[in-house]
C-alpha atoms as a PDB file:
ATOM      1  CA  MET A   1       0.000   0.000   0.000  1.00  0.00           C
ATOM      2  CA  THR A   2       1.400   3.399  -0.982  1.00  0.00           C
ATOM      3  CA  SER A   3       1.132   6.252   1.480  1.00  0.00           C
ATOM      4  CA  GLN A   4      -0.361   9.489   0.239  1.00  0.00           C
ATOM      5  CA  SER A   5       2.830  11.404   1.062  1.00  0.00           C
ATOM      6  CA  ALA A   6       4.838   9.118  -1.269  1.00  0.00           C
ATOM      7  CA  GLN A   7       2.762  10.128  -4.285  1.00  0.00           C
ATOM      8  CA  PRO A   8       3.885  13.110  -6.361  1.00  0.00           C
ATOM      9  CA  ALA A   9       2.239  16.314  -5.242  1.00  0.00           C
ATOM     10  CA  PRO A  10      -0.244  17.807  -7.709  1.00  0.00           C
ATOM     11  CA  GLU A  11       0.360  21.275  -9.037  1.00  0.00           C
ATOM     12  CA  VAL A  12      -2.013  24.209  -8.773  1.00  0.00           C
ATOM     13  CA  GLU A  13      -2.115  26.620 -11.688  1.00  0.00           C
ATOM     14  CA  ARG A  14      -1.327  30.245 -10.982  1.00  0.00           C
ATOM     15  CA  PRO A  15      -4.066  32.361 -12.559  1.00  0.00           C
ATOM     16  CA  ASN A  16      -3.039  34.699 -15.397  1.00  0.00           C
ATOM     17  CA  ARG A  17       0.511  33.371 -15.391  1.00  0.00           C
ATOM     18  CA  GLY A  18       0.493  29.896 -16.912  1.00  0.00           C
ATOM     19  CA  THR A  19       2.913  28.667 -14.249  1.00  0.00           C
ATOM     20  CA  ARG A  20       2.161  26.144 -11.554  1.00  0.00           C
ATOM     21  CA  VAL A  21       2.830  25.932  -7.840  1.00  0.00           C
ATOM     22  CA  ARG A  22       3.386  22.471  -6.369  1.00  0.00           C
ATOM     23  CA  GLY A  23       0.764  21.622  -3.817  1.00  0.00           C
ATOM     24  CA  THR A  24      -0.997  18.869  -1.979  1.00  0.00           C
ATOM     25  CA  ARG A  25      -4.536  17.555  -2.098  1.00  0.00           C
ATOM     26  CA  GLN A  26      -5.222  19.904   0.819  1.00  0.00           C
ATOM     27  CA  ALA A  27      -3.835  22.855  -1.154  1.00  0.00           C
ATOM     28  CA  GLU A  28      -6.048  21.940  -4.100  1.00  0.00           C
ATOM     29  CA  ALA A  29      -9.078  21.735  -1.793  1.00  0.00           C
ATOM     30  CA  LEU A  30      -8.186  25.136  -0.330  1.00  0.00           C
ATOM     31  CA  VAL A  31      -7.891  26.728  -3.779  1.00  0.00           C
ATOM     32  CA  SER A  32     -11.215  25.134  -4.753  1.00  0.00           C
ATOM     33  CA  VAL A  33     -12.959  26.522  -1.655  1.00  0.00           C
ATOM     34  CA  LEU A  34     -11.478  29.978  -2.235  1.00  0.00           C
ATOM     35  CA  GLY A  35     -12.793  29.873  -5.806  1.00  0.00           C
ATOM     36  CA  LYS A  36     -16.325  29.281  -4.519  1.00  0.00           C
ATOM     37  CA  LEU A  37     -16.325  31.867  -1.719  1.00  0.00           C
ATOM     38  CA  THR A  38     -17.125  35.497  -2.401  1.00  0.00           C
ATOM     39  CA  GLY A  39     -15.376  38.316  -0.624  1.00  0.00           C
ATOM     40  CA  PHE A  40     -12.594  38.124   1.929  1.00  0.00           C
ATOM     41  CA  HIS A  41     -12.581  35.493   4.690  1.00  0.00           C
ATOM     42  CA  SER A  42     -10.415  34.724   7.695  1.00  0.00           C
ATOM     43  CA  ALA A  43      -8.279  31.588   7.819  1.00  0.00           C
ATOM     44  CA  GLN A  44     -10.659  30.288  10.501  1.00  0.00           C
ATOM     45  CA  GLU A  45     -13.672  30.766   8.211  1.00  0.00           C
ATOM     46  CA  ILE A  46     -11.872  29.051   5.331  1.00  0.00           C
ATOM     47  CA  HIS A  47     -10.833  26.212   7.654  1.00  0.00           C
ATOM     48  CA  ALA A  48     -14.440  25.801   8.826  1.00  0.00           C
ATOM     49  CA  GLU A  49     -15.659  25.644   5.204  1.00  0.00           C
ATOM     50  CA  LEU A  50     -13.049  23.005   4.360  1.00  0.00           C
ATOM     51  CA  ARG A  51     -14.160  20.945   7.361  1.00  0.00           C
ATOM     52  CA  ARG A  52     -17.837  21.353   6.344  1.00  0.00           C
ATOM     53  CA  GLN A  53     -16.877  19.878   2.979  1.00  0.00           C
ATOM     54  CA  GLY A  54     -15.292  16.876   4.677  1.00  0.00           C
ATOM     55  CA  GLU A  55     -11.644  17.870   4.321  1.00  0.00           C
ATOM     56  CA  GLN A  56      -9.452  16.680   7.175  1.00  0.00           C
ATOM     57  CA  VAL A  57      -7.110  19.647   7.369  1.00  0.00           C
ATOM     58  CA  GLY A  58      -5.666  21.454  10.357  1.00  0.00           C
ATOM     59  CA  LEU A  59      -5.860  25.195  10.894  1.00  0.00           C
ATOM     60  CA  THR A  60      -2.048  25.455  10.883  1.00  0.00           C
ATOM     61  CA  THR A  61      -1.989  23.805   7.454  1.00  0.00           C
ATOM     62  CA  VAL A  62      -4.587  26.289   6.192  1.00  0.00           C
ATOM     63  CA  TYR A  63      -2.456  29.208   7.416  1.00  0.00           C
ATOM     64  CA  ARG A  64       0.670  27.722   5.818  1.00  0.00           C
ATOM     65  CA  HIS A  65      -1.022  27.180   2.445  1.00  0.00           C
ATOM     66  CA  LEU A  66      -2.607  30.640   2.507  1.00  0.00           C
ATOM     67  CA  GLN A  67       0.834  32.166   3.111  1.00  0.00           C
ATOM     68  CA  VAL A  68       2.336  30.303   0.135  1.00  0.00           C
ATOM     69  CA  LEU A  69      -0.626  31.153  -2.090  1.00  0.00           C
ATOM     70  CA  SER A  70      -0.372  34.807  -1.061  1.00  0.00           C
ATOM     71  CA  GLU A  71       3.370  34.909  -1.781  1.00  0.00           C
ATOM     72  CA  ASN A  72       2.650  33.467  -5.234  1.00  0.00           C
ATOM     73  CA  GLU A  73      -0.094  36.060  -5.877  1.00  0.00           C
ATOM     74  CA  MET A  74      -2.785  33.391  -6.105  1.00  0.00           C
ATOM     75  CA  VAL A  75      -4.764  34.870  -3.209  1.00  0.00           C
ATOM     76  CA  ASP A  76      -5.261  38.426  -2.065  1.00  0.00           C
ATOM     77  CA  ALA A  77      -4.526  39.070   1.591  1.00  0.00           C
ATOM     78  CA  ILE A  78      -5.601  42.205   3.429  1.00  0.00           C
ATOM     79  CA  ARG A  79      -5.662  43.149   7.086  1.00  0.00           C
ATOM     80  CA  ASP A  80      -8.938  44.428   8.429  1.00  0.00           C
ATOM     81  CA  GLU A  81      -9.071  47.298  10.881  1.00  0.00           C
ATOM     82  CA  SER A  82      -8.671  44.897  13.816  1.00  0.00           C
ATOM     83  CA  GLY A  83      -5.448  43.544  12.285  1.00  0.00           C
ATOM     84  CA  GLU A  84      -6.821  40.156  11.219  1.00  0.00           C
ATOM     85  CA  THR A  85      -5.663  38.930   7.815  1.00  0.00           C
ATOM     86  CA  LEU A  86      -8.463  38.101   5.385  1.00  0.00           C
ATOM     87  CA  TYR A  87      -8.068  36.153   2.144  1.00  0.00           C
ATOM     88  CA  ARG A  88      -9.809  35.641  -1.198  1.00  0.00           C
ATOM     89  CA  ARG A  89      -8.927  34.079  -4.534  1.00  0.00           C
ATOM     90  CA  CYS A  90      -7.028  36.633  -6.577  1.00  0.00           C
ATOM     91  CA  ALA A  91      -9.191  37.963  -9.392  1.00  0.00           C
ATOM     92  CA  THR A  92      -6.359  39.603 -11.327  1.00  0.00           C
ATOM     93  CA  GLY A  93      -2.694  38.924 -11.760  1.00  0.00           C
ATOM     94  CA  GLY A  94       0.160  41.124 -10.739  1.00  0.00           C
ATOM     95  CA  HIS A  95       0.616  43.591  -7.969  1.00  0.00           C
ATOM     96  CA  HIS A  96      -2.453  45.603  -7.024  1.00  0.00           C
ATOM     97  CA  HIS A  97      -4.186  47.184  -4.048  1.00  0.00           C
ATOM     98  CA  HIS A  98      -7.675  47.092  -2.561  1.00  0.00           C
ATOM     99  CA  VAL A  99     -10.155  49.687  -1.386  1.00  0.00           C
ATOM    100  CA  THR A 100     -12.336  47.952   1.203  1.00  0.00           C
ATOM    101  CA  CYS A 101     -15.611  49.150   2.714  1.00  0.00           C
ATOM    102  CA  ARG A 102     -15.538  49.350   6.511  1.00  0.00           C
ATOM    103  CA  SER A 103     -19.298  48.759   6.654  1.00  0.00           C
ATOM    104  CA  CYS A 104     -20.033  45.830   4.337  1.00  0.00           C
ATOM    105  CA  GLY A 105     -16.565  44.497   3.509  1.00  0.00           C
ATOM    106  CA  ARG A 106     -16.928  45.011  -0.242  1.00  0.00           C
ATOM    107  CA  SER A 107     -13.489  45.233  -1.833  1.00  0.00           C
ATOM    108  CA  VAL A 108     -12.444  46.712  -5.159  1.00  0.00           C
ATOM    109  CA  GLU A 109      -9.075  45.978  -6.761  1.00  0.00           C
ATOM    110  CA  VAL A 110      -7.196  49.070  -7.907  1.00  0.00           C
ATOM    111  CA  GLU A 111      -3.879  49.661  -9.583  1.00  0.00           C
ATOM    112  CA  GLY A 112      -1.932  52.415  -7.934  1.00  0.00           C
ATOM    113  CA  LYS A 113       0.942  53.593 -10.100  1.00  0.00           C
ATOM    114  CA  ALA A 114       1.271  56.732  -7.955  1.00  0.00           C
ATOM    115  CA  VAL A 115       1.516  54.523  -4.847  1.00  0.00           C
ATOM    116  CA  GLU A 116       4.202  52.406  -6.549  1.00  0.00           C
ATOM    117  CA  ARG A 117       6.262  55.491  -7.423  1.00  0.00           C
ATOM    118  CA  TRP A 118       5.821  56.924  -3.917  1.00  0.00           C
ATOM    119  CA  ALA A 119       6.904  53.665  -2.219  1.00  0.00           C
ATOM    120  CA  ASP A 120       9.976  53.385  -4.456  1.00  0.00           C
ATOM    121  CA  ARG A 121      10.925  57.030  -3.863  1.00  0.00           C
ATOM    122  CA  VAL A 122      10.517  56.842  -0.063  1.00  0.00           C
ATOM    123  CA  ALA A 123      12.545  53.625   0.100  1.00  0.00           C
ATOM    124  CA  ALA A 124      15.273  55.009  -2.183  1.00  0.00           C
ATOM    125  CA  GLU A 125      15.555  58.168  -0.062  1.00  0.00           C
ATOM    126  CA  ALA A 126      16.202  55.889   2.928  1.00  0.00           C
ATOM    127  CA  GLY A 127      18.793  53.918   0.930  1.00  0.00           C
ATOM    128  CA  PHE A 128      16.648  50.812   0.432  1.00  0.00           C
ATOM    129  CA  VAL A 129      16.568  48.679  -2.723  1.00  0.00           C
ATOM    130  CA  ASP A 130      14.507  45.656  -3.816  1.00  0.00           C
ATOM    131  CA  VAL A 131      11.427  47.345  -2.378  1.00  0.00           C
ATOM    132  CA  ASP A 132       8.119  45.647  -1.634  1.00  0.00           C
ATOM    133  CA  HIS A 133       5.132  47.173   0.122  1.00  0.00           C
ATOM    134  CA  THR A 134       1.601  46.632   1.324  1.00  0.00           C
ATOM    135  CA  VAL A 135      -1.024  49.357   1.112  1.00  0.00           C
ATOM    136  CA  GLU A 136      -4.518  48.848   2.477  1.00  0.00           C
ATOM    137  CA  ILE A 137      -7.170  51.483   1.892  1.00  0.00           C
ATOM    138  CA  PHE A 138     -10.424  51.485   3.859  1.00  0.00           C
ATOM    139  CA  GLY A 139     -13.442  53.708   3.416  1.00  0.00           C
ATOM    140  CA  VAL A 140     -17.210  53.527   3.055  1.00  0.00           C
ATOM    141  CA  CYS A 141     -18.524  52.357  -0.324  1.00  0.00           C
ATOM    142  CA  PRO A 142     -21.236  54.290  -2.192  1.00  0.00           C
ATOM    143  CA  ASP A 143     -23.929  51.772  -1.165  1.00  0.00           C
ATOM    144  CA  CYS A 144     -23.115  52.191   2.547  1.00  0.00           C
ATOM    145  CA  ALA A 145     -22.412  55.929   2.514  1.00  0.00           C
ATOM    146  CA  PRO A 146     -24.747  58.085   4.609  1.00  0.00           C
ATOM    147  CA  GLY A 147     -27.554  59.663   2.639  1.00  0.00           C
ATOM    148  CA  ARG A 148     -27.905  56.834   0.145  1.00  0.00           C
END
């Protein structure tokens, strides 16, 4: 009898890139669940959904896979105002930012060339190279704005 860990790990395709990231059955299940969920969700919520679907996966494993998927730009990760990281399947490729509603949680992807230039300039002025950054923008969407 062959153990599951002895079998080659499946690969998960990176959207909009044509490359693949090696993963496990659990990683594939996680990507599948993220593809079905709408909006951003905590690792705990994603873990609970995996368990509801019969997946035997630990919360630590979910966190680890979400980190790898985030690093490979397969999932978007934002921190809410309480500091908790929330995740969703990445809708677009490449580096981008989000404007997230504080009331309903709706999130819109935005490209921020001015933000990119600003981050590079600030880092260069401090003598830094190979710059990376995270920018999270929160506000109230038009549907939740007072007077609507």
